[in-house]
Protein backbone atom coordinates (compact mmCIF):
# COMPACT_ATOMS: atom_id res chain seq x y z
CA MET A 1 -17.41 33.36 66.78
CA LEU A 2 -19.36 33.85 63.08
CA PHE A 3 -19.33 32.07 59.99
CA SER A 4 -20.53 33.14 56.55
CA GLU A 5 -21.63 31.37 53.13
CA GLY A 6 -19.96 33.10 50.29
CA ARG A 7 -19.69 36.92 51.80
CA CYS A 8 -17.37 38.60 54.09
CA LYS A 9 -18.34 39.03 57.62
CA SER A 10 -16.28 40.58 60.45
CA ILE A 11 -14.72 37.62 62.50
CA SER A 12 -13.93 37.03 65.66
CA ASP A 13 -11.83 34.34 67.63
CA MET A 14 -10.42 34.12 70.78
CA THR A 15 -7.36 36.04 70.07
CA THR A 16 -8.34 38.71 67.66
CA HIS A 17 -10.87 40.58 65.52
CA LYS A 18 -10.09 40.20 61.59
CA LYS A 19 -11.79 40.09 58.27
CA ALA A 20 -11.38 37.34 56.22
CA CYS A 21 -13.25 36.08 53.12
CA ILE A 22 -13.04 33.03 50.11
CA TYR A 23 -14.63 34.14 47.29
CA PHE A 24 -14.39 30.75 44.86
CA PRO A 25 -16.89 28.27 46.27
CA LEU A 26 -15.23 25.07 46.85
CA PHE A 27 -17.93 23.13 45.37
CA THR A 28 -17.58 25.39 42.25
CA MET A 29 -14.02 24.41 41.93
CA LEU A 30 -14.18 21.01 42.17
CA MET A 31 -16.74 21.04 39.27
CA VAL A 32 -14.29 22.84 37.09
CA ILE A 33 -11.53 20.61 37.84
CA ALA A 34 -13.76 17.42 37.27
CA PHE A 35 -14.74 19.42 33.85
CA LEU A 36 -11.00 20.20 32.88
CA TYR A 37 -9.97 16.56 33.76
CA GLY A 38 -12.47 15.24 31.59
CA TYR A 39 -11.78 17.83 28.85
CA LYS A 40 -7.85 16.66 29.29
CA ALA A 41 -8.73 13.44 28.14
CA GLN A 42 -10.10 14.74 24.71
CA SER A 43 -8.08 17.81 24.05
CA ALA A 44 -4.05 17.67 23.24
CA ASP A 45 -4.00 21.39 24.23
CA PHE A 46 -4.70 20.80 27.91
CA SER A 47 -1.67 19.28 29.76
CA GLU A 48 -1.24 17.85 33.32
CA ASP A 49 0.56 20.85 33.82
CA ASP A 50 -2.60 23.17 33.53
CA PHE A 51 -4.43 20.41 35.58
CA ASN A 52 -2.05 20.77 38.32
CA ARG A 53 -2.08 24.66 38.33
CA ILE A 54 -6.01 24.53 39.24
CA SER A 55 -6.44 21.36 41.44
CA PRO A 56 -5.24 21.29 45.29
CA PHE A 57 -3.48 18.08 44.51
CA ASN A 58 -1.83 16.61 41.28
CA VAL A 59 -3.57 13.57 39.18
CA ARG A 60 -1.74 10.95 41.10
CA SER A 61 -2.55 12.38 44.73
CA LEU A 62 -6.09 12.56 43.75
CA TRP A 63 -6.29 8.87 42.29
CA LEU A 64 -4.20 7.95 45.41
CA LEU A 65 -7.18 9.55 47.38
CA ARG A 66 -9.45 7.41 45.23
CA GLN A 67 -7.88 4.38 45.92
CA VAL A 68 -8.12 4.84 49.59
CA ARG A 69 -11.98 5.67 49.68
CA TYR A 70 -12.30 2.44 47.12
CA ILE A 71 -10.54 0.04 49.68
CA ILE A 72 -11.98 1.16 52.50
CA GLU A 73 -15.60 1.16 50.90
CA SER A 74 -14.82 -2.30 49.57
CA TYR A 75 -13.12 -4.26 52.70
CA GLN A 76 -14.00 -1.94 56.05
CA VAL A 77 -16.19 -4.27 57.94
CA ASP A 78 -18.48 -1.38 58.92
CA ALA A 79 -18.84 0.36 55.69
CA ASP A 80 -21.58 -0.89 54.39
CA THR A 81 -23.89 -0.29 57.13
CA LYS A 82 -22.37 2.86 58.36
CA PRO A 83 -21.15 4.62 55.59
CA ALA A 84 -19.28 7.94 55.38
CA THR A 85 -21.14 10.99 53.19
CA ASP A 86 -19.12 12.91 50.83
CA ASP A 87 -18.99 15.96 53.14
CA ASP A 88 -17.40 13.84 55.83
CA LEU A 89 -14.73 12.69 53.58
CA LEU A 90 -14.17 16.07 52.33
CA HIS A 91 -13.86 17.39 56.02
CA GLY A 92 -11.86 14.63 56.77
CA ALA A 93 -9.24 15.41 53.93
CA ALA A 94 -9.30 18.86 55.08
CA LYS A 95 -8.54 18.42 58.60
CA GLY A 96 -6.08 16.09 57.86
CA MET A 97 -4.30 18.43 55.37
CA VAL A 98 -4.45 21.33 58.20
CA GLU A 99 -2.87 19.40 60.85
CA ALA A 100 0.04 18.30 58.75
CA TRP A 101 1.65 21.74 59.22
CA LYS A 102 1.75 20.68 62.96
CA ASP A 103 0.50 23.72 64.57
CA PRO A 104 -2.19 23.10 67.41
CA TYR A 105 -3.54 26.40 66.60
CA THR A 106 -4.32 26.26 62.97
CA ARG A 107 -7.11 24.04 62.33
CA PHE A 108 -10.12 23.10 60.30
CA VAL A 109 -13.71 23.03 61.94
CA SER A 110 -16.91 21.58 60.43
CA PRO A 111 -20.00 23.58 60.55
CA ARG A 112 -21.18 21.94 63.21
CA GLN A 113 -18.03 22.67 65.33
CA LEU A 114 -18.12 26.38 64.38
CA LYS A 115 -21.83 26.86 65.51
CA ASP A 116 -20.65 25.45 68.82
CA GLU A 117 -17.88 27.84 69.12
CA GLU A 118 -20.13 30.73 68.32
CA ILE A 119 -22.49 29.76 71.18
CA GLU A 120 -19.38 29.44 73.16
CA LEU A 121 -18.71 33.02 72.51
CA GLU A 122 -22.19 34.09 72.82
CA GLY A 123 -21.98 32.83 76.87
CA LYS A 124 -23.92 29.48 77.37
CA TYR A 125 -22.98 25.87 76.70
CA GLY A 126 -23.08 22.66 78.56
CA GLY A 127 -19.58 21.61 79.58
CA LEU A 128 -17.12 21.66 82.49
CA GLY A 129 -15.88 25.18 82.35
CA MET A 130 -12.28 25.55 81.44
CA TYR A 131 -9.86 26.28 78.41
CA ILE A 132 -7.52 23.53 77.06
CA GLY A 133 -4.97 23.47 74.61
CA ASP A 134 -2.24 21.30 72.64
CA ARG A 135 1.06 21.78 73.56
CA ASP A 136 4.33 19.29 72.42
CA GLY A 137 1.38 16.58 71.54
CA GLN A 138 -0.41 17.03 75.12
CA ILE A 139 -3.82 18.23 75.88
CA LEU A 140 -2.95 20.64 78.65
CA VAL A 141 -5.78 22.52 81.07
CA ILE A 142 -4.85 26.05 80.32
CA SER A 143 -7.55 27.24 83.19
CA PRO A 144 -10.37 26.34 84.98
CA MET A 145 -12.98 29.16 84.86
CA GLU A 146 -14.63 30.52 88.08
CA ASP A 147 -17.23 28.57 89.89
CA SER A 148 -17.10 26.14 86.96
CA PRO A 149 -17.54 22.41 87.76
CA ALA A 150 -14.06 21.93 86.69
CA GLU A 151 -12.54 24.26 89.40
CA LYS A 152 -15.01 22.86 91.78
CA VAL A 153 -13.37 19.53 91.54
CA GLY A 154 -9.95 20.93 91.41
CA LEU A 155 -8.42 20.51 88.16
CA LYS A 156 -5.71 23.02 87.64
CA PRO A 157 -3.40 24.79 85.32
CA LYS A 158 -1.37 22.34 83.08
CA ASP A 159 -3.03 19.39 84.17
CA GLN A 160 -2.34 17.04 81.10
CA ILE A 161 -5.45 15.40 80.04
CA VAL A 162 -4.87 11.41 79.22
CA LYS A 163 -7.97 9.85 79.42
CA VAL A 164 -12.02 11.08 79.19
CA ASP A 165 -14.33 8.40 80.07
CA ASN A 166 -13.01 5.29 78.16
CA ASP A 167 -11.16 7.12 75.84
CA VAL A 168 -7.23 7.54 75.73
CA VAL A 169 -7.19 11.09 74.43
CA ILE A 170 -3.44 10.96 73.88
CA GLY A 171 -2.65 12.06 70.33
CA TRP A 172 -6.03 13.67 69.71
CA THR A 173 -6.53 17.33 68.93
CA SER A 174 -7.76 19.67 71.44
CA ASP A 175 -10.87 20.20 69.40
CA ARG A 176 -11.45 16.68 69.38
CA VAL A 177 -11.18 16.67 72.98
CA VAL A 178 -13.29 19.72 73.69
CA GLN A 179 -16.42 17.94 71.77
CA LYS A 180 -15.91 14.91 73.79
CA LEU A 181 -16.18 16.80 77.08
CA ARG A 182 -19.26 18.75 76.28
CA GLY A 183 -22.51 16.87 76.45
CA GLU A 184 -26.13 17.65 78.08
CA PRO A 185 -26.16 19.36 81.80
CA GLY A 186 -26.76 17.08 84.33
CA THR A 187 -24.62 14.34 82.31
CA LYS A 188 -21.28 12.95 83.93
CA VAL A 189 -17.82 12.80 82.41
CA THR A 190 -14.86 11.16 83.96
CA VAL A 191 -11.36 12.78 83.19
CA TRP A 192 -8.06 11.23 84.19
CA VAL A 193 -5.00 13.73 84.12
CA ARG A 194 -1.61 13.44 84.77
CA ARG A 195 -0.29 16.25 87.26
CA GLU A 196 3.44 17.54 87.81
CA GLY A 197 4.64 15.92 91.18
CA GLU A 198 2.00 12.94 91.51
CA ASP A 199 3.07 9.32 90.34
CA GLU A 200 -0.43 8.21 89.61
CA LEU A 201 -3.16 9.60 87.02
CA LEU A 202 -5.90 11.54 89.01
CA GLU A 203 -9.22 10.73 88.55
CA PHE A 204 -11.91 13.81 88.20
CA ALA A 205 -15.66 12.68 87.99
CA ILE A 206 -17.32 16.03 86.69
CA THR A 207 -21.30 16.89 86.39
CA ARG A 208 -21.40 19.07 83.19
CA GLU A 209 -23.25 22.50 83.83
CA ILE A 210 -24.84 25.01 81.88
CA ILE A 211 -21.65 27.30 81.59
CA LYS A 212 -22.49 30.87 82.29
CA LEU A 213 -19.30 33.11 81.17
CA HIS A 214 -19.13 36.40 83.65
CA SER A 215 -15.88 37.95 82.65
CA VAL A 216 -15.42 40.79 85.23
CA ARG A 217 -15.61 40.76 89.13
CA TYR A 218 -14.56 43.78 91.40
CA GLU A 219 -14.47 44.76 95.07
CA MET A 220 -12.78 47.12 97.21
CA LEU A 221 -10.36 45.11 99.73
CA SER A 222 -9.83 48.48 101.89
CA ASP A 223 -10.87 51.94 102.10
CA ASP A 224 -8.38 52.66 99.07
CA ILE A 225 -7.35 49.53 97.17
CA GLY A 226 -9.47 47.99 94.67
CA TYR A 227 -9.81 44.61 93.30
CA LEU A 228 -10.49 43.76 89.25
CA LYS A 229 -10.62 40.07 88.56
CA LEU A 230 -11.29 39.26 84.98
CA THR A 231 -11.77 35.81 83.54
CA GLN A 232 -11.76 35.87 80.13
CA PHE A 233 -11.52 38.81 77.36
CA LYS A 234 -15.07 39.23 75.88
CA HIS A 235 -16.87 41.61 73.46
CA ASN A 236 -18.19 43.43 76.59
CA THR A 237 -15.24 43.03 79.10
CA ALA A 238 -13.60 46.12 78.55
CA ASP A 239 -16.61 48.69 79.17
CA GLU A 240 -17.69 46.28 82.18
CA SER A 241 -13.87 46.95 83.50
CA ARG A 242 -14.10 50.36 82.79
CA ASN A 243 -17.31 50.80 84.71
CA ALA A 244 -15.72 48.73 87.66
CA VAL A 245 -13.07 51.13 87.99
CA ARG A 246 -14.81 54.24 88.08
CA ASP A 247 -17.25 52.46 90.67
CA MET A 248 -14.30 51.96 92.72
CA MET A 249 -12.82 55.31 92.11
CA ARG A 250 -15.96 56.98 93.65
CA GLN A 251 -15.54 54.68 96.38
CA GLY A 252 -12.16 56.25 96.92
CA MET A 253 -10.04 53.76 95.45
CA ARG A 254 -6.33 55.08 95.30
CA ALA A 255 -4.52 51.99 94.24
CA LEU A 256 -5.75 48.98 92.26
CA ILE A 257 -5.04 45.12 92.01
CA LEU A 258 -5.42 43.35 88.50
CA ASP A 259 -6.24 39.54 88.77
CA LEU A 260 -5.61 37.90 85.68
CA ARG A 261 -4.92 34.07 87.04
CA ASN A 262 -6.38 31.29 85.45
CA ASN A 263 -7.74 33.80 82.36
CA GLY A 264 -7.34 32.08 79.10
CA GLY A 265 -7.69 34.83 77.02
CA GLY A 266 -10.04 36.49 74.52
CA LEU A 267 -10.31 39.21 72.03
CA LEU A 268 -7.42 41.18 70.91
CA ASP A 269 -9.22 44.40 70.93
CA ALA A 270 -10.76 43.81 74.47
CA SER A 271 -7.07 43.65 75.83
CA VAL A 272 -6.21 46.82 74.06
CA LYS A 273 -8.80 48.99 75.77
CA ILE A 274 -8.35 47.31 79.27
CA SER A 275 -4.59 48.39 78.73
CA SER A 276 -5.79 51.70 77.38
CA MET A 277 -7.25 52.45 80.75
CA PHE A 278 -3.99 52.44 82.63
CA LEU A 279 -1.85 53.70 79.54
CA ARG A 280 -2.48 57.39 78.28
CA ASP A 281 -0.67 56.50 75.07
CA GLY A 282 2.03 54.33 73.51
CA LEU A 283 2.78 50.75 71.87
CA ILE A 284 0.54 48.02 73.71
CA VAL A 285 1.34 45.06 71.63
CA GLU A 286 2.86 44.13 68.28
CA THR A 287 2.04 41.38 65.78
CA LYS A 288 4.65 40.05 63.45
CA GLY A 289 3.97 37.21 60.46
CA ARG A 290 4.26 36.47 57.04
CA SER A 291 1.85 38.90 55.22
CA GLU A 292 1.36 42.18 55.44
CA ARG A 293 -1.87 42.23 56.96
CA SER A 294 -0.56 40.33 59.99
CA ASN A 295 2.14 43.02 60.85
CA GLU A 296 0.47 45.49 63.00
CA LYS A 297 1.31 48.03 65.85
CA TYR A 298 -1.52 48.79 68.42
CA TYR A 299 -1.58 51.41 70.61
CA ALA A 300 -3.23 52.79 73.36
CA ASN A 301 -6.68 54.39 73.16
CA LYS A 302 -7.07 57.92 74.69
CA ASN A 303 -10.81 57.51 74.84
CA TYR A 304 -10.44 54.75 77.58
CA TYR A 305 -7.41 56.06 79.58
CA LEU A 306 -8.68 56.57 83.15
CA THR A 307 -5.90 56.51 85.95
CA ASN A 308 -2.14 56.19 86.59
CA MET A 309 -2.91 55.36 89.98
CA PRO A 310 -0.38 52.50 91.43
CA MET A 311 -1.05 48.75 90.33
CA THR A 312 -0.08 45.30 90.18
CA VAL A 313 -1.21 42.60 88.20
CA LEU A 314 -1.59 38.79 89.48
CA ILE A 315 -0.42 36.24 86.87
CA ASN A 316 0.09 32.35 87.02
CA GLY A 317 0.27 29.41 84.65
CA GLY A 318 -3.42 29.95 83.52
CA SER A 319 -3.03 33.35 81.99
CA ALA A 320 -2.64 33.05 78.22
CA SER A 321 -3.30 35.05 75.64
CA ALA A 322 -5.04 38.28 75.92
CA SER A 323 -4.36 38.15 79.45
CA GLU A 324 -0.71 37.95 78.54
CA ILE A 325 -1.00 41.02 76.22
CA VAL A 326 -2.13 43.25 78.69
CA SER A 327 0.35 42.18 81.57
CA GLY A 328 3.28 42.41 78.91
CA ALA A 329 2.01 45.90 77.90
CA LEU A 330 1.79 47.19 81.73
CA ASN A 331 4.85 45.57 83.10
CA ASP A 332 7.17 46.55 79.79
CA ARG A 333 5.58 50.32 80.18
CA GLY A 334 6.38 50.60 84.30
CA ARG A 335 2.96 50.97 85.10
CA ALA A 336 2.67 47.51 86.95
CA LYS A 337 5.01 44.81 88.54
CA LEU A 338 4.00 41.23 87.58
CA ILE A 339 3.32 39.05 90.79
CA GLY A 340 2.93 35.31 90.95
CA GLU A 341 3.76 32.54 88.59
CA LYS A 342 5.01 32.19 84.75
CA SER A 343 2.22 32.46 82.30
CA PHE A 344 1.07 30.11 80.11
CA GLY A 345 2.80 31.34 76.75
CA LYS A 346 0.16 31.40 74.21
CA GLY A 347 1.11 34.33 72.22
CA SER A 348 -0.20 33.62 68.79
CA VAL A 349 -2.60 35.50 66.43
CA GLN A 350 -5.46 33.15 64.80
CA THR A 351 -7.87 34.12 62.20
CA LEU A 352 -10.74 32.62 61.08
CA PHE A 353 -11.25 31.97 57.17
CA PRO A 354 -14.74 30.89 56.51
CA LEU A 355 -15.29 28.35 53.70
CA THR A 356 -18.69 28.28 51.83
CA ASP A 357 -20.22 25.10 53.42
CA GLY A 358 -20.54 26.92 56.81
CA SER A 359 -17.16 25.13 57.56
CA GLY A 360 -13.94 27.16 58.35
CA VAL A 361 -10.23 27.22 58.96
CA TYR A 362 -8.33 28.91 61.69
CA VAL A 363 -5.08 29.74 60.76
CA THR A 364 -1.91 31.45 62.62
CA ILE A 365 -1.07 34.25 61.01
CA ALA A 366 1.20 36.21 63.53
CA ARG A 367 2.77 36.26 66.96
CA TYR A 368 2.66 38.92 69.71
CA TYR A 369 5.49 40.99 71.23
CA THR A 370 5.48 43.19 73.90
CA PRO A 371 6.15 46.61 73.59
CA SER A 372 9.95 45.88 74.34
CA GLY A 373 10.11 43.09 71.97
CA LYS A 374 9.52 39.87 74.23
CA VAL A 375 8.32 37.12 72.25
CA ILE A 376 5.20 35.49 74.27
CA ASP A 377 4.66 32.21 72.53
CA HIS A 378 5.79 29.27 73.98
CA VAL A 379 7.89 31.37 76.28
CA GLY A 380 5.62 33.30 78.66
CA LEU A 381 5.99 36.39 81.17
CA SER A 382 8.08 35.74 84.28
CA PRO A 383 6.74 37.69 87.27
CA ASP A 384 8.85 40.38 88.84
CA ILE A 385 8.11 38.93 92.18
CA GLU A 386 7.55 34.90 92.20
CA VAL A 387 4.85 33.90 94.66
CA LYS A 388 4.02 30.15 94.26
CA GLY A 389 0.43 29.45 95.10
CA GLU A 390 -3.17 29.49 93.80
CA PRO A 391 -6.35 31.55 93.93
CA ASN A 392 -7.81 31.33 97.34
CA ARG A 393 -11.70 32.56 97.89
CA ASP A 394 -10.54 33.16 101.51
CA LYS A 395 -8.50 36.66 100.49
CA SER A 396 -6.63 36.44 104.02
CA GLN A 397 -5.12 32.76 102.52
CA ASP A 398 -4.43 33.87 99.05
CA LYS A 399 -0.39 34.14 99.54
CA GLN A 400 -0.50 35.83 95.85
CA LEU A 401 -2.94 38.49 96.34
CA GLN A 402 -1.72 39.54 99.85
CA ARG A 403 1.77 40.23 98.35
CA ALA A 404 0.01 42.40 95.62
CA ILE A 405 -1.53 44.22 98.30
CA GLU A 406 1.92 44.83 99.96
CA GLU A 407 3.28 45.80 96.78
CA VAL A 408 0.63 48.59 96.24
CA LYS A 409 0.96 49.58 99.68
CA LYS A 410 4.38 50.27 98.89
CA SER A 411 3.76 52.07 95.75
CA MET A 412 1.10 54.08 97.49
CA ARG A 413 3.58 55.22 100.29
CA SER A 414 6.33 56.17 97.53
CA VAL A 415 3.71 58.53 95.90
CA ALA A 416 2.70 60.21 99.03
CA GLY A 417 6.25 60.64 99.93
CA ARG A 418 7.00 62.43 96.58
CA ARG A 419 3.77 64.66 96.89
CA ASN A 420 5.23 65.78 100.61
């Protein structure tokens, strides 16, 4: 994820690719407010209404903030030995203001947090290897990454994180929990989760590792059935996936299983390109929001089209965002059946607006709609064939995968019958 100081850049987040810019420096704005407020005291021509038009708050609200600061600095037991900087106070106020809209995906991030997220997107960081999200005031595991510490200890999608080390995290933002979970590789963290069907909290002691993000894995399951596993949608995922499918086609692949289980999402443009590999033309996804720039339709890119061979898509409760875009497009357009369990239901678009001090605000600007008009957000996608189970390294024991193989074999026989 990128940030900029006072100029426009291409911005990417875990769901979309947009451009955003804030041209009016915050510091300058505050200086103007201070100047005009001082001028107001000396000029009868400058009214309180004039001041309110350029200030983020009215005079009484600013005075309230000043009172709060004075009270804390005067009476809080540690305020004299652990003073808060002006930047901390400003960022805290901005964070509180953003959280007042009660949208878990609209969030303020400090310069340090933004840099951390940039590192994550580039591919290596120290942590547990899982996507988490905020839903209805709960911090939920969206999906553990393949071969990550989180997966190895047995964390599962929709586990509710209740406690991290000695801190109860109920009421925390997902961003704050992420910062708590990350740390130096080799250090340990203890996570307590509430899991559906379990009476007691489950405790997991996990050792942090350098998380290396590999998004594409593939293999031939038989002489004519290929398997493509995507763990997320990164910058290079579409090109790597296209190369993988081409390689399997050279090996004789006549049907494909696309595995999007526990794929927490990623970049919108990557999901459109991957969908385009299997859709020659037509609508893939539509976004709808309040502003004109939020209302867009994304169509198949003919340059990425590869094949119309039979295929199925595997989804589960850890399939979110970009995964749901691909699944919804292929299913709505009649290209693939969905097999597994209902997806997570994270179908909204966030754009990063960078601020002049290196901080930023992610804002939910729209929601996704599948080609048939289905809403994904907080709803999810229901599979055509529901199969309970979990991904299994032993593919013969993976019930969902085995059912997907059965279905593509039926489709292959149907295609062969039509040709005969």
